[in-house]
């Protein structure tokens, strides 16, 4: 099916977006801990450059903004993929209805149904996977 690579790409982008969110949260926690540590006697004794809270805010505001843009793009990608799969399924359904209703084609429609059943099952699993993403 032609939509399968798109579904795989959507799943990959979704995973990368979730990973980026996790990275942001971990980095925020690490930097927050460092900011607290640098104010202790031990931290001040190291003579490391001081990082200000305002520096953290500048960095994380931009990072958060970029991440939100990526998450919105992934959301649009999921919606587009879902719409595309729905369109393909509707087209297959209508094609099947037409082939079953065409005079003199009943036998071939039955044969077509039997030959396409594995593909329809595959499409059903693919749709279930996409629905789980959304």
N, C-alpha and C. Protein backbone atom coordinates (compact mmCIF):
# COMPACT_ATOMS: atom_id res chain seq x y z
N UNK A 1 0.84 -1.17 0.00
CA UNK A 1 0.00 0.00 0.00
C UNK A 1 0.89 1.25 0.00
N UNK A 2 0.51 2.24 -0.76
CA UNK A 2 1.34 3.44 -0.93
C UNK A 2 1.36 4.31 0.32
N UNK A 3 0.37 4.21 1.18
CA UNK A 3 0.32 5.05 2.38
C UNK A 3 1.18 4.51 3.51
N UNK A 4 1.64 3.28 3.40
CA UNK A 4 2.40 2.68 4.49
C UNK A 4 3.68 3.45 4.82
N UNK A 5 4.48 3.88 3.81
CA UNK A 5 5.67 4.68 4.16
C UNK A 5 5.30 5.98 4.87
N UNK A 6 4.18 6.58 4.50
CA UNK A 6 3.73 7.79 5.16
C UNK A 6 3.38 7.50 6.62
N UNK A 7 2.73 6.38 6.86
CA UNK A 7 2.39 5.99 8.23
C UNK A 7 3.65 5.74 9.05
N UNK A 8 4.63 5.08 8.44
CA UNK A 8 5.90 4.83 9.13
C UNK A 8 6.60 6.14 9.46
N UNK A 9 6.59 7.07 8.51
CA UNK A 9 7.21 8.37 8.72
C UNK A 9 6.50 9.13 9.84
N UNK A 10 5.19 9.08 9.84
CA UNK A 10 4.41 9.74 10.89
C UNK A 10 4.76 9.18 12.26
N UNK A 11 4.85 7.86 12.35
CA UNK A 11 5.20 7.22 13.63
C UNK A 11 6.60 7.64 14.06
N UNK A 12 7.53 7.68 13.12
CA UNK A 12 8.90 8.07 13.42
C UNK A 12 8.97 9.52 13.92
N UNK A 13 8.25 10.41 13.24
CA UNK A 13 8.23 11.81 13.65
C UNK A 13 7.62 11.97 15.04
N UNK A 14 6.58 11.22 15.30
CA UNK A 14 5.93 11.27 16.61
C UNK A 14 6.89 10.83 17.71
N UNK A 15 7.63 9.76 17.46
CA UNK A 15 8.62 9.28 18.43
C UNK A 15 9.72 10.31 18.66
N UNK A 16 10.19 10.91 17.57
CA UNK A 16 11.25 11.93 17.70
C UNK A 16 10.76 13.14 18.48
N UNK A 17 9.51 13.52 18.26
CA UNK A 17 8.94 14.64 18.99
C UNK A 17 8.85 14.32 20.48
N UNK A 18 8.42 13.12 20.81
CA UNK A 18 8.34 12.71 22.21
C UNK A 18 9.73 12.66 22.84
N UNK A 19 10.71 12.17 22.08
CA UNK A 19 12.09 12.12 22.57
C UNK A 19 12.63 13.54 22.82
N UNK A 20 12.30 14.46 21.92
CA UNK A 20 12.75 15.85 22.08
C UNK A 20 12.13 16.47 23.33
N UNK A 21 10.87 16.16 23.59
CA UNK A 21 10.19 16.67 24.80
C UNK A 21 10.89 16.13 26.05
N UNK A 22 11.23 14.84 26.04
CA UNK A 22 11.93 14.22 27.16
C UNK A 22 13.30 14.86 27.37
N UNK A 23 14.02 15.09 26.25
CA UNK A 23 15.34 15.73 26.34
C UNK A 23 15.23 17.13 26.96
N UNK A 24 14.23 17.88 26.55
CA UNK A 24 14.03 19.23 27.09
C UNK A 24 13.78 19.17 28.59
N UNK A 25 12.91 18.27 29.01
CA UNK A 25 12.59 18.16 30.43
C UNK A 25 13.82 17.73 31.25
N UNK A 26 14.60 16.80 30.70
CA UNK A 26 15.81 16.36 31.41
C UNK A 26 16.84 17.48 31.49
N UNK A 27 17.02 18.21 30.41
CA UNK A 27 17.98 19.31 30.41
C UNK A 27 17.54 20.40 31.38
N UNK A 28 16.25 20.68 31.43
CA UNK A 28 15.73 21.68 32.36
C UNK A 28 16.01 21.26 33.80
N UNK A 29 15.76 20.00 34.10
CA UNK A 29 16.01 19.50 35.45
C UNK A 29 17.51 19.57 35.80
N UNK A 30 18.35 19.17 34.87
CA UNK A 30 19.80 19.19 35.10
C UNK A 30 20.30 20.61 35.34
N UNK A 31 19.85 21.53 34.51
CA UNK A 31 20.30 22.92 34.66
C UNK A 31 19.74 23.54 35.94
N UNK A 32 18.52 23.22 36.29
CA UNK A 32 17.94 23.71 37.54
C UNK A 32 18.77 23.22 38.73
N UNK A 33 19.11 21.95 38.70
CA UNK A 33 19.95 21.39 39.78
C UNK A 33 21.32 22.07 39.83
N UNK A 34 21.89 22.35 38.66
CA UNK A 34 23.20 23.03 38.62
C UNK A 34 23.09 24.44 39.19
N UNK A 35 22.01 25.14 38.82
CA UNK A 35 21.84 26.51 39.34
C UNK A 35 21.76 26.51 40.87
N UNK A 36 21.08 25.53 41.41
CA UNK A 36 21.00 25.42 42.87
C UNK A 36 22.36 25.06 43.47
N UNK A 37 23.07 24.13 42.81
CA UNK A 37 24.36 23.67 43.30
C UNK A 37 25.41 24.79 43.28
N UNK A 38 25.40 25.61 42.23
CA UNK A 38 26.43 26.65 42.11
C UNK A 38 26.33 27.68 43.23
N UNK A 39 25.18 27.78 43.88
CA UNK A 39 25.02 28.71 45.00
C UNK A 39 25.48 28.12 46.33
N UNK A 40 25.79 26.83 46.35
CA UNK A 40 26.27 26.20 47.59
C UNK A 40 27.75 26.53 47.78
N UNK A 41 28.25 26.26 48.97
CA UNK A 41 29.68 26.48 49.24
C UNK A 41 30.55 25.66 48.30
N UNK A 42 30.13 24.42 48.07
CA UNK A 42 30.89 23.53 47.16
C UNK A 42 30.91 24.10 45.75
N UNK A 43 29.78 24.58 45.27
CA UNK A 43 29.70 25.14 43.93
C UNK A 43 30.51 26.40 43.78
N UNK A 44 30.49 27.25 44.78
CA UNK A 44 31.25 28.50 44.72
C UNK A 44 32.75 28.25 44.81
N UNK A 45 33.14 27.16 45.48
CA UNK A 45 34.56 26.83 45.62
C UNK A 45 35.18 26.37 44.30
N UNK A 46 34.35 25.96 43.33
CA UNK A 46 34.90 25.48 42.05
C UNK A 46 35.36 26.60 41.14
N UNK A 47 34.93 27.81 41.40
CA UNK A 47 35.27 28.98 40.57
C UNK A 47 34.82 28.82 39.12
N UNK A 48 33.74 28.06 38.89
CA UNK A 48 33.17 27.95 37.54
C UNK A 48 32.41 29.22 37.21
N UNK A 49 32.29 29.54 35.93
CA UNK A 49 31.48 30.71 35.57
C UNK A 49 30.04 30.54 36.10
N UNK A 50 29.46 31.64 36.54
CA UNK A 50 28.11 31.62 37.10
C UNK A 50 27.11 31.66 35.94
N UNK A 51 26.13 30.76 36.01
CA UNK A 51 25.02 30.77 35.05
C UNK A 51 23.84 31.41 35.76
N UNK A 52 23.28 32.42 35.14
CA UNK A 52 22.15 33.12 35.74
C UNK A 52 20.83 32.47 35.32
N UNK A 53 19.84 32.63 36.16
CA UNK A 53 18.50 32.11 35.86
C UNK A 53 17.98 32.71 34.55
N UNK A 54 18.32 33.98 34.29
CA UNK A 54 17.86 34.64 33.06
C UNK A 54 18.45 33.96 31.82
N UNK A 55 19.68 33.45 31.92
CA UNK A 55 20.29 32.72 30.80
C UNK A 55 19.49 31.45 30.52
N UNK A 56 19.12 30.78 31.58
CA UNK A 56 18.32 29.55 31.44
C UNK A 56 16.98 29.87 30.77
N UNK A 57 16.35 30.94 31.22
CA UNK A 57 15.05 31.31 30.66
C UNK A 57 15.14 31.62 29.16
N UNK A 58 16.18 32.33 28.77
CA UNK A 58 16.36 32.66 27.35
C UNK A 58 16.51 31.38 26.53
N UNK A 59 17.38 30.49 26.98
CA UNK A 59 17.64 29.25 26.27
C UNK A 59 16.38 28.39 26.20
N UNK A 60 15.73 28.18 27.33
CA UNK A 60 14.61 27.26 27.36
C UNK A 60 13.35 27.82 26.71
N UNK A 61 13.19 29.13 26.71
CA UNK A 61 12.05 29.73 26.01
C UNK A 61 12.16 29.45 24.51
N UNK A 62 13.35 29.64 23.96
CA UNK A 62 13.55 29.36 22.53
C UNK A 62 13.39 27.87 22.24
N UNK A 63 13.99 27.02 23.08
CA UNK A 63 13.90 25.58 22.89
C UNK A 63 12.44 25.13 22.95
N UNK A 64 11.71 25.63 23.92
CA UNK A 64 10.29 25.29 24.08
C UNK A 64 9.50 25.72 22.85
N UNK A 65 9.79 26.91 22.35
CA UNK A 65 9.10 27.43 21.17
C UNK A 65 9.33 26.52 19.95
N UNK A 66 10.58 26.12 19.74
CA UNK A 66 10.90 25.26 18.61
C UNK A 66 10.24 23.89 18.76
N UNK A 67 10.21 23.39 19.97
CA UNK A 67 9.60 22.09 20.22
C UNK A 67 8.09 22.15 19.98
N UNK A 68 7.46 23.23 20.40
CA UNK A 68 6.02 23.36 20.17
C UNK A 68 5.70 23.42 18.68
N UNK A 69 6.55 24.09 17.90
CA UNK A 69 6.36 24.12 16.45
C UNK A 69 6.45 22.71 15.87
N UNK A 70 7.42 21.95 16.34
CA UNK A 70 7.59 20.57 15.85
C UNK A 70 6.39 19.71 16.25
N UNK A 71 5.91 19.88 17.47
CA UNK A 71 4.76 19.09 17.92
C UNK A 71 3.50 19.43 17.12
N UNK A 72 3.32 20.69 16.78
CA UNK A 72 2.17 21.07 15.94
C UNK A 72 2.30 20.45 14.54
N UNK A 73 3.51 20.46 14.00
CA UNK A 73 3.74 19.85 12.68
C UNK A 73 3.46 18.34 12.71
N UNK A 74 3.88 17.68 13.77
CA UNK A 74 3.61 16.24 13.91
C UNK A 74 2.11 16.00 14.01
N UNK A 75 1.42 16.85 14.74
CA UNK A 75 -0.03 16.71 14.87
C UNK A 75 -0.71 16.85 13.50
N UNK A 76 -0.28 17.82 12.71
CA UNK A 76 -0.84 17.99 11.36
C UNK A 76 -0.51 16.78 10.48
N UNK A 77 0.68 16.24 10.64
CA UNK A 77 1.10 15.07 9.87
C UNK A 77 0.22 13.87 10.22
N UNK A 78 -0.06 13.68 11.52
CA UNK A 78 -0.93 12.58 11.94
C UNK A 78 -2.33 12.73 11.34
N UNK A 79 -2.84 13.95 11.38
CA UNK A 79 -4.17 14.21 10.84
C UNK A 79 -4.21 13.96 9.34
N UNK A 80 -3.20 14.44 8.62
CA UNK A 80 -3.14 14.23 7.17
C UNK A 80 -3.05 12.74 6.84
N UNK A 81 -2.23 12.01 7.57
CA UNK A 81 -2.09 10.57 7.36
C UNK A 81 -3.41 9.87 7.61
N UNK A 82 -4.07 10.23 8.69
CA UNK A 82 -5.36 9.63 9.01
C UNK A 82 -6.38 9.92 7.92
N UNK A 83 -6.41 11.15 7.44
CA UNK A 83 -7.34 11.51 6.37
C UNK A 83 -7.04 10.74 5.09
N UNK A 84 -5.76 10.58 4.79
CA UNK A 84 -5.36 9.86 3.58
C UNK A 84 -5.78 8.39 3.66
N UNK A 85 -5.54 7.76 4.80
CA UNK A 85 -5.93 6.36 4.97
C UNK A 85 -7.44 6.21 4.89
N UNK A 86 -8.15 7.15 5.49
CA UNK A 86 -9.62 7.12 5.43
C UNK A 86 -10.09 7.25 3.98
N UNK A 87 -9.47 8.13 3.22
CA UNK A 87 -9.81 8.30 1.82
C UNK A 87 -9.55 7.02 1.03
N UNK A 88 -8.41 6.39 1.28
CA UNK A 88 -8.08 5.14 0.59
C UNK A 88 -9.10 4.06 0.93
N UNK A 89 -9.44 3.95 2.21
CA UNK A 89 -10.42 2.94 2.61
C UNK A 89 -11.79 3.21 2.02
N UNK A 90 -12.21 4.46 2.00
CA UNK A 90 -13.49 4.80 1.39
C UNK A 90 -13.49 4.46 -0.10
N UNK A 91 -12.38 4.75 -0.76
CA UNK A 91 -12.27 4.44 -2.20
C UNK A 91 -12.32 2.93 -2.43
N UNK A 92 -11.62 2.16 -1.61
CA UNK A 92 -11.66 0.70 -1.74
C UNK A 92 -13.07 0.17 -1.49
N UNK A 93 -13.73 0.72 -0.49
CA UNK A 93 -15.09 0.30 -0.17
C UNK A 93 -16.03 0.60 -1.34
N UNK A 94 -15.95 1.82 -1.86
CA UNK A 94 -16.81 2.18 -2.98
C UNK A 94 -16.49 1.34 -4.23
N UNK A 95 -15.24 1.10 -4.48
CA UNK A 95 -14.85 0.27 -5.61
C UNK A 95 -15.42 -1.13 -5.47
N UNK A 96 -15.35 -1.67 -4.27
CA UNK A 96 -15.90 -2.99 -4.02
C UNK A 96 -17.41 -3.00 -4.21
N UNK A 97 -18.09 -1.96 -3.73
CA UNK A 97 -19.55 -1.86 -3.90
C UNK A 97 -19.92 -1.80 -5.38
N UNK A 98 -19.17 -1.00 -6.14
CA UNK A 98 -19.46 -0.86 -7.57
C UNK A 98 -19.23 -2.19 -8.28
N UNK A 99 -18.11 -2.86 -7.96
CA UNK A 99 -17.82 -4.11 -8.66
C UNK A 99 -18.84 -5.19 -8.30
N UNK A 100 -19.39 -5.15 -7.10
CA UNK A 100 -20.41 -6.14 -6.73
C UNK A 100 -21.75 -5.84 -7.37
N UNK A 101 -22.00 -4.59 -7.74
CA UNK A 101 -23.29 -4.20 -8.29
C UNK A 101 -23.30 -4.17 -9.82
N UNK A 102 -22.17 -4.36 -10.45
CA UNK A 102 -22.10 -4.30 -11.90
C UNK A 102 -22.67 -5.60 -12.48
N UNK A 103 -23.68 -5.49 -13.36
CA UNK A 103 -24.25 -6.72 -13.95
C UNK A 103 -23.19 -7.53 -14.69
N UNK A 104 -23.25 -8.84 -14.51
CA UNK A 104 -22.33 -9.74 -15.18
C UNK A 104 -20.96 -9.80 -14.53
N UNK A 105 -20.74 -9.08 -13.47
CA UNK A 105 -19.43 -9.03 -12.82
C UNK A 105 -19.46 -9.68 -11.43
N UNK A 106 -20.55 -10.31 -11.05
CA UNK A 106 -20.68 -10.86 -9.71
C UNK A 106 -19.61 -11.90 -9.41
N UNK A 107 -19.34 -12.77 -10.37
CA UNK A 107 -18.33 -13.80 -10.16
C UNK A 107 -16.95 -13.18 -9.98
N UNK A 108 -16.62 -12.23 -10.85
CA UNK A 108 -15.30 -11.62 -10.74
C UNK A 108 -15.19 -10.77 -9.47
N UNK A 109 -16.28 -10.20 -9.01
CA UNK A 109 -16.26 -9.43 -7.76
C UNK A 109 -15.96 -10.35 -6.59
N UNK A 110 -16.54 -11.55 -6.62
CA UNK A 110 -16.29 -12.52 -5.55
C UNK A 110 -14.81 -12.93 -5.57
N UNK A 111 -14.28 -13.17 -6.76
CA UNK A 111 -12.87 -13.52 -6.90
C UNK A 111 -11.99 -12.37 -6.43
N UNK A 112 -12.36 -11.15 -6.79
CA UNK A 112 -11.62 -9.97 -6.38
C UNK A 112 -11.62 -9.86 -4.86
N UNK A 113 -12.77 -10.11 -4.25
CA UNK A 113 -12.87 -10.03 -2.80
C UNK A 113 -11.93 -11.03 -2.13
N UNK A 114 -11.88 -12.25 -2.66
CA UNK A 114 -11.02 -13.27 -2.08
C UNK A 114 -9.54 -12.93 -2.28
N UNK A 115 -9.21 -12.38 -3.43
CA UNK A 115 -7.80 -12.07 -3.68
C UNK A 115 -7.34 -10.83 -2.91
N UNK A 116 -8.27 -9.95 -2.59
CA UNK A 116 -7.91 -8.71 -1.88
C UNK A 116 -8.05 -8.82 -0.37
N UNK A 117 -8.59 -9.91 0.14
CA UNK A 117 -8.82 -10.03 1.58
C UNK A 117 -7.55 -9.85 2.40
N UNK A 118 -6.42 -10.48 2.03
CA UNK A 118 -5.19 -10.25 2.82
C UNK A 118 -4.77 -8.78 2.84
N UNK A 119 -4.93 -8.10 1.71
CA UNK A 119 -4.58 -6.68 1.65
C UNK A 119 -5.51 -5.86 2.54
N UNK A 120 -6.79 -6.22 2.54
CA UNK A 120 -7.74 -5.50 3.39
C UNK A 120 -7.43 -5.72 4.87
N UNK A 121 -7.03 -6.93 5.24
CA UNK A 121 -6.62 -7.19 6.62
C UNK A 121 -5.40 -6.35 7.00
N UNK A 122 -4.45 -6.29 6.08
CA UNK A 122 -3.24 -5.49 6.30
C UNK A 122 -3.62 -4.02 6.49
N UNK A 123 -4.53 -3.53 5.65
CA UNK A 123 -4.98 -2.14 5.76
C UNK A 123 -5.67 -1.91 7.10
N UNK A 124 -6.43 -2.90 7.55
CA UNK A 124 -7.11 -2.78 8.84
C UNK A 124 -6.11 -2.64 9.98
N UNK A 125 -5.04 -3.44 9.93
CA UNK A 125 -4.00 -3.34 10.97
C UNK A 125 -3.31 -1.99 10.89
N UNK A 126 -3.07 -1.51 9.68
CA UNK A 126 -2.43 -0.22 9.49
C UNK A 126 -3.30 0.90 10.06
N UNK A 127 -4.59 0.83 9.81
CA UNK A 127 -5.52 1.84 10.32
C UNK A 127 -5.54 1.81 11.84
N UNK A 128 -5.55 0.61 12.40
CA UNK A 128 -5.53 0.49 13.86
C UNK A 128 -4.26 1.12 14.43
N UNK A 129 -3.14 0.92 13.75
CA UNK A 129 -1.88 1.54 14.19
C UNK A 129 -1.92 3.05 14.12
N UNK A 130 -2.48 3.58 13.05
CA UNK A 130 -2.58 5.03 12.89
C UNK A 130 -3.53 5.61 13.92
N UNK A 131 -4.65 4.92 14.15
CA UNK A 131 -5.59 5.40 15.16
C UNK A 131 -4.96 5.44 16.53
N UNK A 132 -4.05 4.50 16.80
CA UNK A 132 -3.38 4.51 18.11
C UNK A 132 -2.42 5.70 18.21
N UNK A 133 -1.92 6.21 17.10
CA UNK A 133 -1.07 7.39 17.12
C UNK A 133 -1.86 8.64 17.44
N UNK A 134 -3.09 8.69 16.98
CA UNK A 134 -3.93 9.87 17.20
C UNK A 134 -4.75 9.66 18.41
